[in-house]
């Protein structure tokens, strides 16, 4: 089987799906690897480094002639670049990458209509067995780190306590909203930089994780028994719950110099946790980094990839922090996707083993149609009929 590593076309995307260090394992598995010219340059990997690792270098047309295409962004996650890629797909080609199928199922449907077999890495189950393939976690981890650095560079004060001959500087107060992978790394990074850190999450089960990093867990008198969905993700709650939550969070937000927002619910609009009134209650010079800006934002007033100043508070809405440190995020992504591909091959790729949980849960399209039940529902398609026994 020939696999190809595509050059990313999404604006600002500097990552690459496979780095040179991952090539030997693919070759050892019996795969022939072609890398599109310049695919790794933005992440710091030259074409020569891929050649030395055992890959061939080819044009985009040569890459699309491969049996399997490996990418960071494809289908709905690729933006306008998808239109050009869509028309290059051949029947039977296997497409692996981030597809954004829950929010944008249309492009996945288009890939299906062209006969492609599509695997979406956002859908890798959060199980121990699939942990080494979990790209969302590996990328969110670095994004959480990057969000704190962005806040520290924007804040007009330092994070740590500092005792000098001119007096003592008190530590900045950092509040992290959402204690998933990105949030926990944001907590750890802010603590390492010397800030006084607190965190809030609707899931009470993460309290111990927050405290283990040296942060204070903010507890609100709310009923949160049904706040966690399958796989450890936060579950969408009712508007009455969010209204009460915002009311109680207001005082905590007002006392913070930095608020890092990381609360996301897969496939849904991000919940608003920080209102316009809460921003107005913060001290001038304070900073909000809204990592959910692309999904509507946790902070009212944030805009994707823009800097907004409201009442002296700077609100940042970065949408692709992982691409800012493309060398390391590409290394992690490459390990994830290479492990995932090896698993597919061991299960008989190009045939798909639907009795395997990882294959079944990540398979979006095959045989000319969307086959994943959740994605069919999002696309407004009726459930597939069960095969006759």
Protein backbone atom coordinates (compact mmCIF):
# COMPACT_ATOMS: atom_id res chain seq x y z
CA UNK A 1 0.00 0.00 0.00
CA UNK A 2 1.22 3.49 -0.87
CA UNK A 3 0.51 6.22 1.67
CA UNK A 4 0.97 9.94 1.07
CA UNK A 5 1.61 12.81 3.47
CA UNK A 6 -0.15 15.93 2.19
CA UNK A 7 0.94 19.53 2.54
CA UNK A 8 -1.62 21.49 4.56
CA UNK A 9 -3.63 24.17 2.74
CA UNK A 10 -5.65 25.64 5.62
CA UNK A 11 -4.54 29.26 6.27
CA UNK A 12 -2.00 29.43 9.09
CA UNK A 13 -1.73 25.65 9.46
CA UNK A 14 1.98 24.90 9.89
CA UNK A 15 1.74 21.32 11.15
CA UNK A 16 2.43 18.23 9.10
CA UNK A 17 0.77 14.85 9.58
CA UNK A 18 3.96 12.77 9.59
CA UNK A 19 7.48 13.85 10.57
CA UNK A 20 10.67 12.19 9.25
CA UNK A 21 11.21 10.25 12.49
CA UNK A 22 7.92 8.41 11.93
CA UNK A 23 8.74 7.29 8.37
CA UNK A 24 10.88 4.21 9.25
CA UNK A 25 8.06 2.62 11.25
CA UNK A 26 5.69 3.03 8.30
CA UNK A 27 8.24 1.57 5.89
CA UNK A 28 8.87 -1.32 8.30
CA UNK A 29 5.14 -2.04 8.26
CA UNK A 30 5.42 -2.60 4.50
CA UNK A 31 4.06 0.76 3.41
CA UNK A 32 5.49 2.86 0.60
CA UNK A 33 5.54 6.51 1.67
CA UNK A 34 5.44 9.58 -0.54
CA UNK A 35 5.58 13.08 0.96
CA UNK A 36 4.27 16.08 -0.94
CA UNK A 37 6.99 18.60 -1.76
CA UNK A 38 7.36 21.11 1.06
CA UNK A 39 4.84 19.38 3.32
CA UNK A 40 7.02 19.65 6.43
CA UNK A 41 8.89 22.91 5.78
CA UNK A 42 6.62 25.11 7.94
CA UNK A 43 7.10 22.70 10.83
CA UNK A 44 10.87 22.65 10.43
CA UNK A 45 11.30 19.44 8.39
CA UNK A 46 12.98 19.62 4.98
CA UNK A 47 12.29 17.40 1.98
CA UNK A 48 15.82 16.00 2.33
CA UNK A 49 15.10 14.89 5.88
CA UNK A 50 12.15 12.85 4.58
CA UNK A 51 14.27 11.32 1.82
CA UNK A 52 16.92 10.33 4.35
CA UNK A 53 14.22 8.68 6.45
CA UNK A 54 13.09 6.51 3.53
CA UNK A 55 10.24 8.46 1.90
CA UNK A 56 9.88 9.63 -1.67
CA UNK A 57 9.07 13.27 -2.46
CA UNK A 58 6.37 14.01 -5.02
CA UNK A 59 3.94 16.60 -6.36
CA UNK A 60 0.42 17.02 -5.03
CA UNK A 61 -0.93 15.05 -7.99
CA UNK A 62 1.49 12.21 -7.20
CA UNK A 63 0.47 12.32 -3.55
CA UNK A 64 -3.24 12.08 -4.39
CA UNK A 65 -2.50 9.02 -6.51
CA UNK A 66 -1.63 7.07 -3.33
CA UNK A 67 -3.93 4.49 -1.75
CA UNK A 68 -4.08 6.33 1.59
CA UNK A 69 -3.83 10.07 2.29
CA UNK A 70 -2.55 11.29 5.68
CA UNK A 71 -3.28 14.86 6.67
CA UNK A 72 -3.77 17.14 9.65
CA UNK A 73 -6.88 18.87 8.27
CA UNK A 74 -9.30 17.49 5.72
CA UNK A 75 -13.01 17.62 4.89
CA UNK A 76 -14.78 20.12 7.19
CA UNK A 77 -11.59 21.02 9.06
CA UNK A 78 -9.83 22.13 5.87
CA UNK A 79 -11.83 25.27 5.08
CA UNK A 80 -11.87 26.47 1.49
CA UNK A 81 -8.95 24.20 0.61
CA UNK A 82 -11.33 21.25 0.77
CA UNK A 83 -12.98 22.24 -2.52
CA UNK A 84 -9.74 21.60 -4.41
CA UNK A 85 -8.92 18.39 -2.53
CA UNK A 86 -12.44 17.02 -2.92
CA UNK A 87 -12.18 17.03 -6.69
CA UNK A 88 -8.89 15.10 -6.57
CA UNK A 89 -10.31 12.13 -4.62
CA UNK A 90 -10.45 8.77 -6.35
CA UNK A 91 -12.92 5.96 -5.58
CA UNK A 92 -11.43 3.65 -2.95
CA UNK A 93 -8.86 6.10 -1.57
CA UNK A 94 -8.51 6.10 2.24
CA UNK A 95 -8.49 9.53 3.88
CA UNK A 96 -7.20 9.94 7.46
CA UNK A 97 -7.11 13.21 9.40
CA UNK A 98 -9.08 15.76 11.41
CA UNK A 99 -12.41 16.11 9.58
CA UNK A 100 -14.67 18.09 11.97
CA UNK A 101 -17.54 15.72 11.12
CA UNK A 102 -19.80 16.64 14.04
CA UNK A 103 -19.87 20.36 13.20
CA UNK A 104 -19.47 20.11 9.42
CA UNK A 105 -20.75 16.76 8.13
CA UNK A 106 -21.34 18.11 4.59
CA UNK A 107 -17.74 17.77 3.35
CA UNK A 108 -17.59 14.21 4.72
CA UNK A 109 -20.71 13.47 2.70
CA UNK A 110 -18.98 14.90 -0.38
CA UNK A 111 -15.97 12.63 0.22
CA UNK A 112 -18.32 9.67 0.56
CA UNK A 113 -20.03 10.51 -2.74
CA UNK A 114 -16.63 10.34 -4.44
CA UNK A 115 -16.07 6.85 -3.10
CA UNK A 116 -13.51 7.70 -0.41
CA UNK A 117 -13.17 5.81 2.84
CA UNK A 118 -12.88 8.46 5.56
CA UNK A 119 -11.47 8.05 9.08
CA UNK A 120 -11.88 11.02 11.41
CA UNK A 121 -9.28 11.29 14.17
CA UNK A 122 -11.56 13.46 16.34
CA UNK A 123 -13.61 10.31 16.91
CA UNK A 124 -10.82 8.15 18.36
CA UNK A 125 -12.43 6.67 21.51
CA UNK A 126 -10.96 7.84 24.81
CA UNK A 127 -10.00 4.40 26.02
CA UNK A 128 -6.72 3.05 27.36
CA UNK A 129 -6.28 1.00 24.20
CA UNK A 130 -6.62 4.04 21.93
CA UNK A 131 -4.71 6.51 24.11
CA UNK A 132 -1.63 6.50 21.87
CA UNK A 133 -3.84 7.52 18.91
CA UNK A 134 -5.68 10.40 20.64
CA UNK A 135 -4.72 13.46 18.58
CA UNK A 136 -7.21 15.74 20.34
CA UNK A 137 -5.42 15.19 23.65
CA UNK A 138 -1.89 15.52 22.28
CA UNK A 139 -2.71 18.77 20.49
CA UNK A 140 -4.84 20.26 23.28
CA UNK A 141 -2.02 19.61 25.72
CA UNK A 142 0.34 21.91 23.81
CA UNK A 143 -2.44 24.43 23.12
CA UNK A 144 -3.09 24.79 26.86
CA UNK A 145 0.59 25.54 27.42
CA UNK A 146 0.63 28.06 24.60
CA UNK A 147 -2.50 29.85 25.87
CA UNK A 148 -0.79 30.72 29.16
CA UNK A 149 2.29 32.10 27.35
CA UNK A 150 0.01 34.20 25.17
CA UNK A 151 -1.72 35.59 28.25
CA UNK A 152 1.60 36.25 30.02
CA UNK A 153 2.90 38.19 27.01
CA UNK A 154 -0.26 40.31 26.89
CA UNK A 155 -0.72 40.97 30.61
CA UNK A 156 0.90 44.28 31.71
CA UNK A 157 2.31 42.64 34.84
CA UNK A 158 4.39 39.57 35.66
CA UNK A 159 2.96 36.25 36.83
CA UNK A 160 5.24 35.26 39.74
CA UNK A 161 5.69 36.84 43.13
CA UNK A 162 8.97 38.72 43.22
CA UNK A 163 10.75 40.24 46.18
CA UNK A 164 13.07 43.12 45.27
CA UNK A 165 14.85 45.98 47.01
CA UNK A 166 12.05 48.20 45.74
CA UNK A 167 9.36 46.04 47.33
CA UNK A 168 7.43 42.83 46.80
CA UNK A 169 5.31 42.12 43.74
CA UNK A 170 2.32 39.88 44.44
CA UNK A 171 1.64 36.96 42.08
CA UNK A 172 -0.93 37.32 39.33
CA UNK A 173 -4.19 35.43 39.74
CA UNK A 174 -4.99 33.02 36.91
CA UNK A 175 -8.38 31.33 36.57
CA UNK A 176 -8.74 28.35 34.20
CA UNK A 177 -12.27 27.49 33.11
CA UNK A 178 -12.47 23.86 32.06
CA UNK A 179 -10.11 21.19 33.40
CA UNK A 180 -9.82 18.91 30.40
CA UNK A 181 -6.48 18.20 28.74
CA UNK A 182 -5.91 21.83 27.66
CA UNK A 183 -7.09 23.21 30.98
CA UNK A 184 -4.89 20.95 33.07
CA UNK A 185 -1.83 21.89 31.03
CA UNK A 186 -2.75 25.57 31.36
CA UNK A 187 -2.93 25.10 35.13
CA UNK A 188 0.46 23.37 35.22
CA UNK A 189 2.08 26.03 33.02
CA UNK A 190 0.67 28.95 35.01
CA UNK A 191 1.89 27.32 38.23
CA UNK A 192 5.37 26.83 36.78
CA UNK A 193 5.43 30.52 35.89
CA UNK A 194 4.62 31.39 39.50
CA UNK A 195 0.99 32.50 39.24
CA UNK A 196 -1.67 31.93 41.88
CA UNK A 197 -3.94 29.50 40.03
CA UNK A 198 -7.55 28.43 40.50
CA UNK A 199 -9.71 26.37 38.19
CA UNK A 200 -13.36 25.55 37.65
CA UNK A 201 -14.98 22.64 35.86
CA UNK A 202 -18.58 21.50 35.76
CA UNK A 203 -17.35 17.94 36.40
CA UNK A 204 -16.62 17.50 40.14
CA UNK A 205 -14.57 14.39 39.34
CA UNK A 206 -11.64 16.54 38.13
CA UNK A 207 -11.22 18.30 41.48
CA UNK A 208 -8.45 15.91 42.54
CA UNK A 209 -6.56 16.44 39.27
CA UNK A 210 -6.72 20.22 39.67
CA UNK A 211 -5.50 20.07 43.26
CA UNK A 212 -2.70 17.66 42.36
CA UNK A 213 -1.25 20.42 40.15
CA UNK A 214 -1.24 22.84 43.05
CA UNK A 215 -4.28 24.87 42.01
CA UNK A 216 -7.40 25.72 43.98
CA UNK A 217 -10.59 24.08 42.72
CA UNK A 218 -13.50 26.53 42.58
CA UNK A 219 -16.63 24.86 43.89
CA UNK A 220 -20.04 26.33 43.12
CA UNK A 221 -23.33 25.24 44.76
CA UNK A 222 -24.72 23.67 41.58
CA UNK A 223 -26.19 20.25 40.83
CA UNK A 224 -23.60 18.64 38.52
CA UNK A 225 -24.44 14.94 38.79
CA UNK A 226 -25.13 14.54 35.04
CA UNK A 227 -22.33 16.82 33.81
CA UNK A 228 -20.03 14.17 32.35
CA UNK A 229 -20.68 12.32 29.11
CA UNK A 230 -19.10 9.12 27.81
CA UNK A 231 -15.35 9.31 27.31
CA UNK A 232 -14.82 11.90 30.04
CA UNK A 233 -16.07 14.86 27.99
CA UNK A 234 -18.21 17.59 29.55
CA UNK A 235 -21.90 17.27 28.76
CA UNK A 236 -24.12 20.13 27.60
CA UNK A 237 -26.32 21.43 30.39
CA UNK A 238 -29.54 23.49 30.30
CA UNK A 239 -29.59 27.29 29.99
CA UNK A 240 -30.93 27.61 33.55
CA UNK A 241 -27.82 25.82 34.80
CA UNK A 242 -25.48 28.07 32.79
CA UNK A 243 -27.28 31.23 33.97
CA UNK A 244 -26.81 30.24 37.61
CA UNK A 245 -23.21 29.21 36.90
CA UNK A 246 -22.40 32.62 35.38
CA UNK A 247 -23.96 34.37 38.36
CA UNK A 248 -21.78 32.45 40.82
CA UNK A 249 -18.61 32.71 38.72
CA UNK A 250 -18.81 36.49 38.44
CA UNK A 251 -16.96 37.22 41.67
CA UNK A 252 -14.18 34.72 40.91
CA UNK A 253 -13.67 36.18 37.42
CA UNK A 254 -13.59 39.75 38.81
CA UNK A 255 -10.70 38.83 41.14
CA UNK A 256 -8.62 37.28 38.32
CA UNK A 257 -5.88 38.94 36.29
CA UNK A 258 -6.02 36.20 33.63
CA UNK A 259 -8.89 33.94 32.62
CA UNK A 260 -8.14 30.99 30.33
CA UNK A 261 -11.33 29.56 28.76
CA UNK A 262 -11.11 25.96 27.54
CA UNK A 263 -14.68 24.63 27.88
CA UNK A 264 -15.80 22.77 24.75
CA UNK A 265 -18.54 20.23 24.11
CA UNK A 266 -17.85 18.02 21.05
CA UNK A 267 -19.94 19.03 18.06
CA UNK A 268 -21.81 21.80 19.88
CA UNK A 269 -21.60 25.54 20.39
CA UNK A 270 -19.32 26.42 23.30
CA UNK A 271 -21.17 27.43 26.48
CA UNK A 272 -20.91 31.10 27.47
CA UNK A 273 -19.19 31.19 30.87
CA UNK A 274 -17.92 34.79 30.96
CA UNK A 275 -20.54 37.42 30.12
CA UNK A 276 -20.04 41.00 29.00
CA UNK A 277 -20.97 42.12 32.53
CA UNK A 278 -18.35 39.82 34.04
CA UNK A 279 -15.69 41.26 31.74
CA UNK A 280 -16.71 44.77 32.82
CA UNK A 281 -16.12 43.71 36.43
CA UNK A 282 -12.49 42.72 35.79
CA UNK A 283 -9.58 45.04 36.50
CA UNK A 284 -8.31 47.13 33.55
CA UNK A 285 -5.33 45.38 31.97
CA UNK A 286 -6.72 41.92 32.69
CA UNK A 287 -6.58 39.30 29.94
CA UNK A 288 -9.01 36.64 28.74
CA UNK A 289 -7.76 33.91 26.40
CA UNK A 290 -10.80 32.21 24.86
CA UNK A 291 -9.68 28.89 23.41
CA UNK A 292 -13.29 28.17 22.44
CA UNK A 293 -13.61 31.25 20.21
CA UNK A 294 -13.88 29.13 17.05
CA UNK A 295 -17.00 27.42 18.49
CA UNK A 296 -18.77 30.61 19.50
CA UNK A 297 -16.65 31.34 22.55
CA UNK A 298 -16.82 30.87 26.32
CA UNK A 299 -16.40 34.64 26.67
CA UNK A 300 -19.04 37.01 25.34
CA UNK A 301 -17.34 39.43 22.97
CA UNK A 302 -14.50 37.17 21.85
CA UNK A 303 -13.92 36.79 18.11
CA UNK A 304 -12.00 34.04 16.33
CA UNK A 305 -8.36 35.02 15.73
CA UNK A 306 -8.97 38.61 16.82
CA UNK A 307 -7.95 40.77 19.79
CA UNK A 308 -10.85 42.66 21.35
CA UNK A 309 -10.52 45.24 24.13
CA UNK A 310 -13.62 45.80 26.28
CA UNK A 311 -13.57 48.11 29.30
CA UNK A 312 -9.79 47.87 29.41
CA UNK A 313 -9.81 44.05 29.34
CA UNK A 314 -8.03 42.32 26.43
CA UNK A 315 -9.86 39.31 25.01
CA UNK A 316 -7.88 37.00 22.72
CA UNK A 317 -9.58 34.41 20.51
CA UNK A 318 -6.86 32.11 19.10
CA UNK A 319 -8.21 29.19 17.07
CA UNK A 320 -5.08 27.18 16.23
CA UNK A 321 -2.55 27.46 19.05
CA UNK A 322 -1.14 24.04 18.20
CA UNK A 323 0.11 25.39 14.86
CA UNK A 324 2.16 28.06 16.66
CA UNK A 325 4.55 25.38 17.90
CA UNK A 326 4.34 23.18 14.83
CA UNK A 327 7.56 21.24 15.34
CA UNK A 328 6.49 19.56 18.54
CA UNK A 329 2.77 19.33 17.81
CA UNK A 330 3.66 17.66 14.49
CA UNK A 331 5.90 15.18 16.29
CA UNK A 332 3.06 14.24 18.64
CA UNK A 333 0.46 14.15 15.87
CA UNK A 334 2.77 11.95 13.76
CA UNK A 335 3.06 9.39 16.57
CA UNK A 336 -0.72 9.37 16.94
CA UNK A 337 -1.49 8.98 13.24
CA UNK A 338 1.29 6.43 12.61
CA UNK A 339 -0.01 4.29 15.49
CA UNK A 340 -3.56 4.65 14.18
CA UNK A 341 -2.53 3.69 10.64
CA UNK A 342 -0.58 0.68 11.91
CA UNK A 343 -3.71 -0.39 13.76
CA UNK A 344 -5.83 -0.07 10.61
CA UNK A 345 -3.28 -2.12 8.66
CA UNK A 346 -3.23 -4.81 11.36
CA UNK A 347 -7.03 -4.94 11.08
CA UNK A 348 -6.82 -5.58 7.32
CA UNK A 349 -6.87 -2.14 5.67
CA UNK A 350 -8.09 -1.41 2.97
CA UNK A 351 -10.80 -3.68 4.37
CA UNK A 352 -12.37 -2.19 7.49
CA UNK A 353 -12.84 -4.33 10.57
CA UNK A 354 -16.15 -3.01 11.95
CA UNK A 355 -15.92 -5.45 14.85
CA UNK A 356 -12.95 -3.43 16.15
CA UNK A 357 -14.02 -0.47 18.33
CA UNK A 358 -11.30 1.91 17.14
CA UNK A 359 -11.98 1.23 13.45
CA UNK A 360 -15.73 1.36 13.91
CA UNK A 361 -15.85 4.56 15.97
CA UNK A 362 -13.54 6.54 13.65
CA UNK A 363 -14.99 5.33 10.33
CA UNK A 364 -17.15 8.12 8.89
CA UNK A 365 -17.62 7.16 5.24
CA UNK A 366 -17.31 4.01 3.16
CA UNK A 367 -18.94 2.54 0.07
CA UNK A 368 -20.36 5.83 -1.15
CA UNK A 369 -22.16 6.89 2.01
CA UNK A 370 -21.80 8.16 5.56
CA UNK A 371 -21.79 5.09 7.82
CA UNK A 372 -21.22 6.61 11.27
CA UNK A 373 -24.59 6.87 13.10
CA UNK A 374 -23.83 10.19 14.86
CA UNK A 375 -22.57 11.81 11.66
CA UNK A 376 -25.58 10.57 9.70
CA UNK A 377 -27.80 12.17 12.31
CA UNK A 378 -25.86 15.46 12.09
CA UNK A 379 -26.16 15.38 8.30
CA UNK A 380 -29.93 14.85 8.50
CA UNK A 381 -29.67 11.34 7.02
CA UNK A 382 -31.85 8.42 8.13
CA UNK A 383 -30.22 5.56 10.08
CA UNK A 384 -28.70 2.83 7.97
CA UNK A 385 -30.61 -0.39 7.81
CA UNK A 386 -28.97 -3.25 9.66
CA UNK A 387 -27.63 -5.93 7.25
CA UNK A 388 -29.83 -8.97 6.94
CA UNK A 389 -28.60 -11.89 9.02
